[in-house]
Amino acid sequence: MGASEELEYLKGLVRQLNEKIEHLEIQARKAVSPTPAQQLRTILMGPPGAGKGTQAPKISEAFCVCHLATGDMLREQVAQKTALGVEAKKIMDAGGLVSDDIMVGIIKDQLENNKACKNGFVLDGFPRTVPQAKKLDSMLEERKEKLDSVVQLLIDDQLLISRITGRLIHTPSGRTYHREFHPPKKAGVDDVTGEPLIQRSDDNVETLRKRLGAFHAQTGPVAEYYKDKGLWHGVDAAQSPSVVWDSLRSVFTGKK
């Protein structure tokens, strides 16, 4: 075999090897993509400003599960005038609190109809009481599903207050800044549009203390309920978001 023939032969072998490698890589990717055996069903608890809004979308993306923020879902159902949304709007217009049954119904609707939920979910903002937790358990049981974990973001109230009272928001985009930790390039205006930033009216110290007091009174028993079931995990949310994320990921991968 001449040198040129040998070269062509070797090139052919390399091509075949590359094709084989590519095929095996595709198979490997398929093998590690989420499957029913690798599903994640978790609840993210934590007071306002603890970082649920930062971490929940990351969990959703990393584990291919849906992010169910109950406040957003409720607004969506009302806007779409669904049966549950119409019922909820009547109660809210009358100044009442939306019932636990309606909230669990809205979550169930998402699990049944939202394709993003096929590998599981991260639930944010629910349950806030033990009766809600029990109703959620019953609904999941009917679906032959159960929670894998409940993660609570833990942070000192005083640190939270200093975090939140410095928070500035660009309302149209939802971009957030912080006077101390993440200030805009120019004081009081959005980096991208130059439009003014606002401080939410409920981001003042007195209102926050009330909200945190209510949060602890409500969710303390919920945390105990899940501790008794062996599902609860506490994560220190005073750390940087990347360290918090590493702690969360280790909880979820450790559960599998």
C-alpha atoms as a PDB file:
ATOM      1  CA  MET A   1       0.000   0.000   0.000  1.00  0.00           C
ATOM      2  CA  GLY A   2       1.445   3.348  -1.110  1.00  0.00           C
ATOM      3  CA  ALA A   3       1.803   6.322   1.226  1.00  0.00           C
ATOM      4  CA  SER A   4      -1.190   8.190  -0.320  1.00  0.00           C
ATOM      5  CA  GLU A   5      -3.417   5.080  -0.100  1.00  0.00           C
ATOM      6  CA  GLU A   6      -2.404   4.533   3.513  1.00  0.00           C
ATOM      7  CA  LEU A   7      -3.203   8.180   4.259  1.00  0.00           C
ATOM      8  CA  GLU A   8      -6.691   7.880   2.721  1.00  0.00           C
ATOM      9  CA  TYR A   9      -7.270   4.649   4.640  1.00  0.00           C
ATOM     10  CA  LEU A  10      -6.314   6.337   7.939  1.00  0.00           C
ATOM     11  CA  LYS A  11      -8.500   9.371   7.139  1.00  0.00           C
ATOM     12  CA  GLY A  12     -11.412   6.995   6.547  1.00  0.00           C
ATOM     13  CA  LEU A  13     -10.775   5.346   9.917  1.00  0.00           C
ATOM     14  CA  VAL A  14     -10.700   8.758  11.645  1.00  0.00           C
ATOM     15  CA  ARG A  15     -14.021   9.702   9.970  1.00  0.00           C
ATOM     16  CA  GLN A  16     -15.601   6.456  11.166  1.00  0.00           C
ATOM     17  CA  LEU A  17     -14.243   6.986  14.668  1.00  0.00           C
ATOM     18  CA  ASN A  18     -15.572  10.578  14.760  1.00  0.00           C
ATOM     19  CA  GLU A  19     -19.009   9.388  13.615  1.00  0.00           C
ATOM     20  CA  LYS A  20     -18.947   6.679  16.291  1.00  0.00           C
ATOM     21  CA  ILE A  21     -17.912   9.219  18.976  1.00  0.00           C
ATOM     22  CA  GLU A  22     -20.671  11.603  17.901  1.00  0.00           C
ATOM     23  CA  HIS A  23     -23.242   8.792  18.030  1.00  0.00           C
ATOM     24  CA  LEU A  24     -22.085   7.732  21.518  1.00  0.00           C
ATOM     25  CA  GLU A  25     -22.159  11.346  22.777  1.00  0.00           C
ATOM     26  CA  ILE A  26     -25.776  11.686  21.595  1.00  0.00           C
ATOM     27  CA  GLN A  27     -26.681   8.432  23.362  1.00  0.00           C
ATOM     28  CA  ALA A  28     -24.931   9.606  26.544  1.00  0.00           C
ATOM     29  CA  ARG A  29     -26.806  12.946  26.490  1.00  0.00           C
ATOM     30  CA  LYS A  30     -30.091  11.103  26.119  1.00  0.00           C
ATOM     31  CA  ALA A  31     -29.186   8.831  29.021  1.00  0.00           C
ATOM     32  CA  VAL A  32     -28.567  11.733  31.432  1.00  0.00           C
ATOM     33  CA  SER A  33     -31.562  13.870  30.427  1.00  0.00           C
ATOM     34  CA  PRO A  34     -34.307  13.892  33.072  1.00  0.00           C
ATOM     35  CA  THR A  35     -36.556  10.849  33.024  1.00  0.00           C
ATOM     36  CA  PRO A  36     -39.483   9.929  35.290  1.00  0.00           C
ATOM     37  CA  ALA A  37     -36.994   8.112  37.556  1.00  0.00           C
ATOM     38  CA  GLN A  38     -35.039  11.366  37.945  1.00  0.00           C
ATOM     39  CA  GLN A  39     -37.909  13.706  38.615  1.00  0.00           C
ATOM     40  CA  LEU A  40     -37.744  16.501  41.155  1.00  0.00           C
ATOM     41  CA  ARG A  41     -40.722  17.689  43.185  1.00  0.00           C
ATOM     42  CA  THR A  42     -39.694  20.300  45.686  1.00  0.00           C
ATOM     43  CA  ILE A  43     -40.986  23.267  47.674  1.00  0.00           C
ATOM     44  CA  LEU A  44     -38.877  26.392  48.154  1.00  0.00           C
ATOM     45  CA  MET A  45     -39.741  28.240  51.370  1.00  0.00           C
ATOM     46  CA  GLY A  46     -38.351  31.513  52.646  1.00  0.00           C
ATOM     47  CA  PRO A  47     -39.306  35.020  53.723  1.00  0.00           C
ATOM     48  CA  PRO A  48     -39.682  37.879  51.211  1.00  0.00           C
ATOM     49  CA  GLY A  49     -36.238  38.914  49.967  1.00  0.00           C
ATOM     50  CA  ALA A  50     -34.489  35.628  50.885  1.00  0.00           C
ATOM     51  CA  GLY A  51     -33.737  34.879  47.221  1.00  0.00           C
ATOM     52  CA  LYS A  52     -36.554  32.548  46.113  1.00  0.00           C
ATOM     53  CA  GLY A  53     -37.014  34.639  42.959  1.00  0.00           C
ATOM     54  CA  THR A  54     -33.323  34.171  42.092  1.00  0.00           C
ATOM     55  CA  GLN A  55     -33.023  30.469  42.911  1.00  0.00           C
ATOM     56  CA  ALA A  56     -36.371  28.998  41.753  1.00  0.00           C
ATOM     57  CA  PRO A  57     -35.789  29.770  38.018  1.00  0.00           C
ATOM     58  CA  LYS A  58     -32.284  28.227  38.291  1.00  0.00           C
ATOM     59  CA  ILE A  59     -33.743  25.044  39.814  1.00  0.00           C
ATOM     60  CA  SER A  60     -36.363  24.989  37.041  1.00  0.00           C
ATOM     61  CA  GLU A  61     -33.715  25.271  34.315  1.00  0.00           C
ATOM     62  CA  ALA A  62     -31.134  22.899  35.799  1.00  0.00           C
ATOM     63  CA  PHE A  63     -33.601  20.093  36.549  1.00  0.00           C
ATOM     64  CA  CYS A  64     -36.018  20.656  33.606  1.00  0.00           C
ATOM     65  CA  VAL A  65     -38.999  21.176  35.924  1.00  0.00           C
ATOM     66  CA  CYS A  66     -41.659  23.879  36.022  1.00  0.00           C
ATOM     67  CA  HIS A  67     -41.466  26.836  38.419  1.00  0.00           C
ATOM     68  CA  LEU A  68     -44.879  27.274  40.035  1.00  0.00           C
ATOM     69  CA  ALA A  69     -45.080  30.677  41.745  1.00  0.00           C
ATOM     70  CA  THR A  70     -48.578  30.685  43.216  1.00  0.00           C
ATOM     71  CA  GLY A  71     -49.026  34.470  43.019  1.00  0.00           C
ATOM     72  CA  ASP A  72     -48.168  34.487  39.297  1.00  0.00           C
ATOM     73  CA  MET A  73     -50.402  31.449  38.630  1.00  0.00           C
ATOM     74  CA  LEU A  74     -53.344  33.069  40.387  1.00  0.00           C
ATOM     75  CA  ARG A  75     -52.955  36.292  38.363  1.00  0.00           C
ATOM     76  CA  GLU A  76     -52.682  34.233  35.153  1.00  0.00           C
ATOM     77  CA  GLN A  77     -55.874  32.251  35.901  1.00  0.00           C
ATOM     78  CA  VAL A  78     -57.758  35.497  36.664  1.00  0.00           C
ATOM     79  CA  ALA A  79     -56.453  37.154  33.467  1.00  0.00           C
ATOM     80  CA  GLN A  80     -57.418  34.107  31.359  1.00  0.00           C
ATOM     81  CA  LYS A  81     -60.885  34.000  32.990  1.00  0.00           C
ATOM     82  CA  THR A  82     -60.640  30.265  33.674  1.00  0.00           C
ATOM     83  CA  ALA A  83     -63.301  28.698  35.935  1.00  0.00           C
ATOM     84  CA  LEU A  84     -60.866  28.780  38.871  1.00  0.00           C
ATOM     85  CA  GLY A  85     -59.770  32.321  37.958  1.00  0.00           C
ATOM     86  CA  VAL A  86     -63.353  33.639  37.856  1.00  0.00           C
ATOM     87  CA  GLU A  87     -64.074  32.062  41.237  1.00  0.00           C
ATOM     88  CA  ALA A  88     -60.858  33.476  42.718  1.00  0.00           C
ATOM     89  CA  LYS A  89     -61.568  36.969  41.348  1.00  0.00           C
ATOM     90  CA  LYS A  90     -65.020  37.047  42.987  1.00  0.00           C
ATOM     91  CA  ILE A  91     -63.431  36.240  46.364  1.00  0.00           C
ATOM     92  CA  MET A  92     -60.595  38.786  45.936  1.00  0.00           C
ATOM     93  CA  ASP A  93     -62.992  41.526  44.764  1.00  0.00           C
ATOM     94  CA  ALA A  94     -65.005  40.941  47.937  1.00  0.00           C
ATOM     95  CA  GLY A  95     -61.806  41.365  49.980  1.00  0.00           C
ATOM     96  CA  GLY A  96     -61.571  37.682  50.909  1.00  0.00           C
ATOM     97  CA  LEU A  97     -58.685  35.223  50.815  1.00  0.00           C
ATOM     98  CA  VAL A  98     -58.637  32.663  48.010  1.00  0.00           C
ATOM     99  CA  SER A  99     -59.456  29.243  49.482  1.00  0.00           C
ATOM    100  CA  ASP A 100     -56.917  26.452  49.841  1.00  0.00           C
ATOM    101  CA  ASP A 101     -59.024  24.279  47.511  1.00  0.00           C
ATOM    102  CA  ILE A 102     -58.799  26.862  44.721  1.00  0.00           C
ATOM    103  CA  MET A 103     -55.020  27.221  45.165  1.00  0.00           C
ATOM    104  CA  VAL A 104     -54.482  23.441  45.141  1.00  0.00           C
ATOM    105  CA  GLY A 105     -56.795  23.265  42.094  1.00  0.00           C
ATOM    106  CA  ILE A 106     -54.622  25.820  40.268  1.00  0.00           C
ATOM    107  CA  ILE A 107     -51.463  23.801  41.057  1.00  0.00           C
ATOM    108  CA  LYS A 108     -53.169  20.582  39.920  1.00  0.00           C
ATOM    109  CA  ASP A 109     -54.227  22.294  36.684  1.00  0.00           C
ATOM    110  CA  GLN A 110     -50.578  23.213  35.986  1.00  0.00           C
ATOM    111  CA  LEU A 111     -49.343  19.678  36.720  1.00  0.00           C
ATOM    112  CA  GLU A 112     -51.928  18.252  34.318  1.00  0.00           C
ATOM    113  CA  ASN A 113     -51.677  20.796  31.503  1.00  0.00           C
ATOM    114  CA  ASN A 114     -48.253  22.459  31.618  1.00  0.00           C
ATOM    115  CA  LYS A 115     -45.761  20.371  29.588  1.00  0.00           C
ATOM    116  CA  ALA A 116     -42.866  21.924  31.532  1.00  0.00           C
ATOM    117  CA  CYS A 117     -44.141  20.051  34.629  1.00  0.00           C
ATOM    118  CA  LYS A 118     -43.680  16.559  33.180  1.00  0.00           C
ATOM    119  CA  ASN A 119     -40.368  16.063  35.041  1.00  0.00           C
ATOM    120  CA  GLY A 120     -41.619  17.672  38.236  1.00  0.00           C
ATOM    121  CA  PHE A 121     -41.866  21.128  39.794  1.00  0.00           C
ATOM    122  CA  VAL A 122     -40.439  23.693  42.187  1.00  0.00           C
ATOM    123  CA  LEU A 123     -43.296  25.230  44.184  1.00  0.00           C
ATOM    124  CA  ASP A 124     -42.744  28.801  45.384  1.00  0.00           C
ATOM    125  CA  GLY A 125     -45.144  30.600  47.765  1.00  0.00           C
ATOM    126  CA  PHE A 126     -47.239  27.579  48.771  1.00  0.00           C
ATOM    127  CA  PRO A 127     -48.059  25.976  51.160  1.00  0.00           C
ATOM    128  CA  ARG A 128     -48.088  28.679  53.847  1.00  0.00           C
ATOM    129  CA  THR A 129     -50.121  26.755  56.438  1.00  0.00           C
ATOM    130  CA  VAL A 130     -50.268  23.142  57.640  1.00  0.00           C
ATOM    131  CA  PRO A 131     -53.831  22.618  56.255  1.00  0.00           C
ATOM    132  CA  GLN A 132     -52.520  23.768  52.833  1.00  0.00           C
ATOM    133  CA  ALA A 133     -49.587  21.343  53.129  1.00  0.00           C
ATOM    134  CA  LYS A 134     -51.996  18.482  53.890  1.00  0.00           C
ATOM    135  CA  LYS A 135     -54.250  19.371  50.927  1.00  0.00           C
ATOM    136  CA  LEU A 136     -51.193  19.485  48.652  1.00  0.00           C
ATOM    137  CA  ASP A 137     -50.099  16.040  49.911  1.00  0.00           C
ATOM    138  CA  SER A 138     -53.582  14.608  49.223  1.00  0.00           C
ATOM    139  CA  MET A 139     -53.654  16.029  45.686  1.00  0.00           C
ATOM    140  CA  LEU A 140     -50.187  14.618  44.911  1.00  0.00           C
ATOM    141  CA  GLU A 141     -51.197  11.270  46.407  1.00  0.00           C
ATOM    142  CA  GLU A 142     -54.185  11.117  44.043  1.00  0.00           C
ATOM    143  CA  ARG A 143     -51.701  11.620  41.196  1.00  0.00           C
ATOM    144  CA  LYS A 144     -49.479   8.853  42.692  1.00  0.00           C
ATOM    145  CA  GLU A 145     -46.743  11.439  43.262  1.00  0.00           C
ATOM    146  CA  LYS A 146     -44.982  12.719  46.369  1.00  0.00           C
ATOM    147  CA  LEU A 147     -42.565  15.457  47.369  1.00  0.00           C
ATOM    148  CA  ASP A 148     -38.807  14.772  47.282  1.00  0.00           C
ATOM    149  CA  SER A 149     -37.752  17.688  49.454  1.00  0.00           C
ATOM    150  CA  VAL A 150     -38.742  20.959  51.091  1.00  0.00           C
ATOM    151  CA  VAL A 151     -35.992  23.579  51.231  1.00  0.00           C
ATOM    152  CA  GLN A 152     -36.175  26.621  53.478  1.00  0.00           C
ATOM    153  CA  LEU A 153     -33.933  29.624  52.804  1.00  0.00           C
ATOM    154  CA  LEU A 154     -32.798  30.781  56.246  1.00  0.00           C
ATOM    155  CA  ILE A 155     -31.719  34.373  56.886  1.00  0.00           C
ATOM    156  CA  ASP A 156     -31.663  36.771  59.817  1.00  0.00           C
ATOM    157  CA  ASP A 157     -34.553  39.287  59.766  1.00  0.00           C
ATOM    158  CA  GLN A 158     -32.267  42.298  60.264  1.00  0.00           C
ATOM    159  CA  LEU A 159     -30.084  41.334  57.287  1.00  0.00           C
ATOM    160  CA  LEU A 160     -33.222  40.822  55.199  1.00  0.00           C
ATOM    161  CA  ILE A 161     -34.524  44.257  56.117  1.00  0.00           C
ATOM    162  CA  SER A 162     -31.257  45.922  55.070  1.00  0.00           C
ATOM    163  CA  ARG A 163     -31.350  43.934  51.809  1.00  0.00           C
ATOM    164  CA  ILE A 164     -34.938  44.805  50.963  1.00  0.00           C
ATOM    165  CA  THR A 165     -35.129  48.443  52.043  1.00  0.00           C
ATOM    166  CA  GLY A 166     -32.301  49.219  49.633  1.00  0.00           C
ATOM    167  CA  ARG A 167     -34.063  47.470  46.739  1.00  0.00           C
ATOM    168  CA  LEU A 168     -34.838  49.550  43.633  1.00  0.00           C
ATOM    169  CA  ILE A 169     -37.024  48.247  40.811  1.00  0.00           C
ATOM    170  CA  HIS A 170     -37.437  49.103  37.114  1.00  0.00           C
ATOM    171  CA  THR A 171     -41.138  48.312  36.868  1.00  0.00           C
ATOM    172  CA  PRO A 172     -41.516  47.717  33.077  1.00  0.00           C
ATOM    173  CA  SER A 173     -38.724  45.085  32.898  1.00  0.00           C
ATOM    174  CA  GLY A 174     -38.664  43.793  36.490  1.00  0.00           C
ATOM    175  CA  ARG A 175     -34.905  44.523  36.751  1.00  0.00           C
ATOM    176  CA  THR A 176     -33.845  45.001  40.361  1.00  0.00           C
ATOM    177  CA  TYR A 177     -30.966  46.946  41.872  1.00  0.00           C
ATOM    178  CA  HIS A 178     -29.767  47.625  45.397  1.00  0.00           C
ATOM    179  CA  ARG A 179     -28.481  50.932  46.748  1.00  0.00           C
ATOM    180  CA  GLU A 180     -25.657  49.172  48.602  1.00  0.00           C
ATOM    181  CA  PHE A 181     -25.047  45.734  47.039  1.00  0.00           C
ATOM    182  CA  HIS A 182     -25.931  46.283  43.359  1.00  0.00           C
ATOM    183  CA  PRO A 183     -26.362  50.005  42.618  1.00  0.00           C
ATOM    184  CA  PRO A 184     -27.342  51.274  39.146  1.00  0.00           C
ATOM    185  CA  LYS A 185     -24.560  52.990  37.152  1.00  0.00           C
ATOM    186  CA  LYS A 186     -26.394  56.293  37.601  1.00  0.00           C
ATOM    187  CA  ALA A 187     -28.288  56.827  40.854  1.00  0.00           C
ATOM    188  CA  GLY A 188     -32.044  56.304  40.567  1.00  0.00           C
ATOM    189  CA  VAL A 189     -32.209  55.230  36.904  1.00  0.00           C
ATOM    190  CA  ASP A 190     -32.233  51.913  35.021  1.00  0.00           C
ATOM    191  CA  ASP A 191     -28.904  50.980  33.353  1.00  0.00           C
ATOM    192  CA  VAL A 192     -30.573  49.828  30.120  1.00  0.00           C
ATOM    193  CA  THR A 193     -33.337  52.364  29.462  1.00  0.00           C
ATOM    194  CA  GLY A 194     -32.382  55.333  31.659  1.00  0.00           C
ATOM    195  CA  GLU A 195     -35.925  55.274  33.052  1.00  0.00           C
ATOM    196  CA  PRO A 196     -36.525  56.026  36.749  1.00  0.00           C
ATOM    197  CA  LEU A 197     -36.319  53.276  39.378  1.00  0.00           C
ATOM    198  CA  ILE A 198     -38.861  52.978  42.183  1.00  0.00           C
ATOM    199  CA  GLN A 199     -38.896  51.577  45.694  1.00  0.00           C
ATOM    200  CA  ARG A 200     -41.937  49.402  46.353  1.00  0.00           C
ATOM    201  CA  SER A 201     -44.310  50.915  48.906  1.00  0.00           C
ATOM    202  CA  ASP A 202     -44.204  47.712  50.964  1.00  0.00           C
ATOM    203  CA  ASP A 203     -40.385  47.793  51.045  1.00  0.00           C
ATOM    204  CA  ASN A 204     -40.276  50.027  54.120  1.00  0.00           C
ATOM    205  CA  VAL A 205     -39.014  48.851  57.517  1.00  0.00           C
ATOM    206  CA  GLU A 206     -42.304  48.909  59.430  1.00  0.00           C
ATOM    207  CA  THR A 207     -44.233  47.023  56.742  1.00  0.00           C
ATOM    208  CA  LEU A 208     -41.402  44.522  56.390  1.00  0.00           C
ATOM    209  CA  ARG A 209     -41.301  43.759  60.110  1.00  0.00           C
ATOM    210  CA  LYS A 210     -45.045  43.008  59.973  1.00  0.00           C
ATOM    211  CA  ARG A 211     -44.641  40.800  56.882  1.00  0.00           C
ATOM    212  CA  LEU A 212     -41.740  38.888  58.452  1.00  0.00           C
ATOM    213  CA  GLY A 213     -43.660  38.441  61.711  1.00  0.00           C
ATOM    214  CA  ALA A 214     -46.610  37.014  59.770  1.00  0.00           C
ATOM    215  CA  PHE A 215     -44.283  34.799  57.728  1.00  0.00           C
ATOM    216  CA  HIS A 216     -42.623  33.253  60.802  1.00  0.00           C
ATOM    217  CA  ALA A 217     -45.945  32.725  62.599  1.00  0.00           C
ATOM    218  CA  GLN A 218     -47.450  30.992  59.540  1.00  0.00           C
ATOM    219  CA  THR A 219     -44.548  28.984  58.196  1.00  0.00           C
ATOM    220  CA  GLY A 220     -42.941  27.809  61.453  1.00  0.00           C
ATOM    221  CA  PRO A 221     -45.556  25.036  61.814  1.00  0.00           C
ATOM    222  CA  VAL A 222     -45.226  24.200  58.074  1.00  0.00           C
ATOM    223  CA  ALA A 223     -41.461  23.668  58.498  1.00  0.00           C
ATOM    224  CA  GLU A 224     -42.151  21.430  61.530  1.00  0.00           C
ATOM    225  CA  TYR A 225     -44.722  19.446  59.515  1.00  0.00           C
ATOM    226  CA  TYR A 226     -42.129  18.692  56.815  1.00  0.00           C
ATOM    227  CA  LYS A 227     -39.361  18.053  59.379  1.00  0.00           C
ATOM    228  CA  ASP A 228     -41.576  15.324  60.879  1.00  0.00           C
ATOM    229  CA  LYS A 229     -41.809  13.759  57.409  1.00  0.00           C
ATOM    230  CA  GLY A 230     -38.020  13.901  56.942  1.00  0.00           C
ATOM    231  CA  LEU A 231     -38.317  16.187  53.912  1.00  0.00           C
ATOM    232  CA  TRP A 232     -37.078  19.532  55.321  1.00  0.00           C
ATOM    233  CA  HIS A 233     -33.646  21.012  54.540  1.00  0.00           C
ATOM    234  CA  GLY A 234     -32.372  24.409  55.708  1.00  0.00           C
ATOM    235  CA  VAL A 235     -30.023  26.457  53.518  1.00  0.00           C
ATOM    236  CA  ASP A 236     -28.160  29.562  54.733  1.00  0.00           C
ATOM    237  CA  ALA A 237     -29.459  32.324  52.429  1.00  0.00           C
ATOM    238  CA  ALA A 238     -27.138  34.999  53.857  1.00  0.00           C
ATOM    239  CA  GLN A 239     -24.381  33.630  51.580  1.00  0.00           C
ATOM    240  CA  SER A 240     -23.785  34.770  48.009  1.00  0.00           C
ATOM    241  CA  PRO A 241     -26.358  33.492  45.440  1.00  0.00           C
ATOM    242  CA  SER A 242     -23.780  31.143  43.859  1.00  0.00           C
ATOM    243  CA  VAL A 243     -22.983  29.502  47.237  1.00  0.00           C
ATOM    244  CA  VAL A 244     -26.729  29.206  47.987  1.00  0.00           C
ATOM    245  CA  TRP A 245     -27.193  27.574  44.575  1.00  0.00           C
ATOM    246  CA  ASP A 246     -24.427  25.017  45.294  1.00  0.00           C
ATOM    247  CA  SER A 247     -26.123  24.150  48.616  1.00  0.00           C
ATOM    248  CA  LEU A 248     -29.508  23.743  46.902  1.00  0.00           C
ATOM    249  CA  ARG A 249     -28.091  21.570  44.142  1.00  0.00           C
ATOM    250  CA  SER A 250     -26.423  19.277  46.674  1.00  0.00           C
ATOM    251  CA  VAL A 251     -29.776  18.837  48.455  1.00  0.00           C
ATOM    252  CA  PHE A 252     -31.525  17.864  45.211  1.00  0.00           C
ATOM    253  CA  THR A 253     -28.813  15.579  43.852  1.00  0.00           C
ATOM    254  CA  GLY A 254     -28.383  14.000  47.276  1.00  0.00           C
ATOM    255  CA  LYS A 255     -32.078  13.078  47.241  1.00  0.00           C
ATOM    256  CA  LYS A 256     -31.661  11.040  44.078  1.00  0.00           C
END
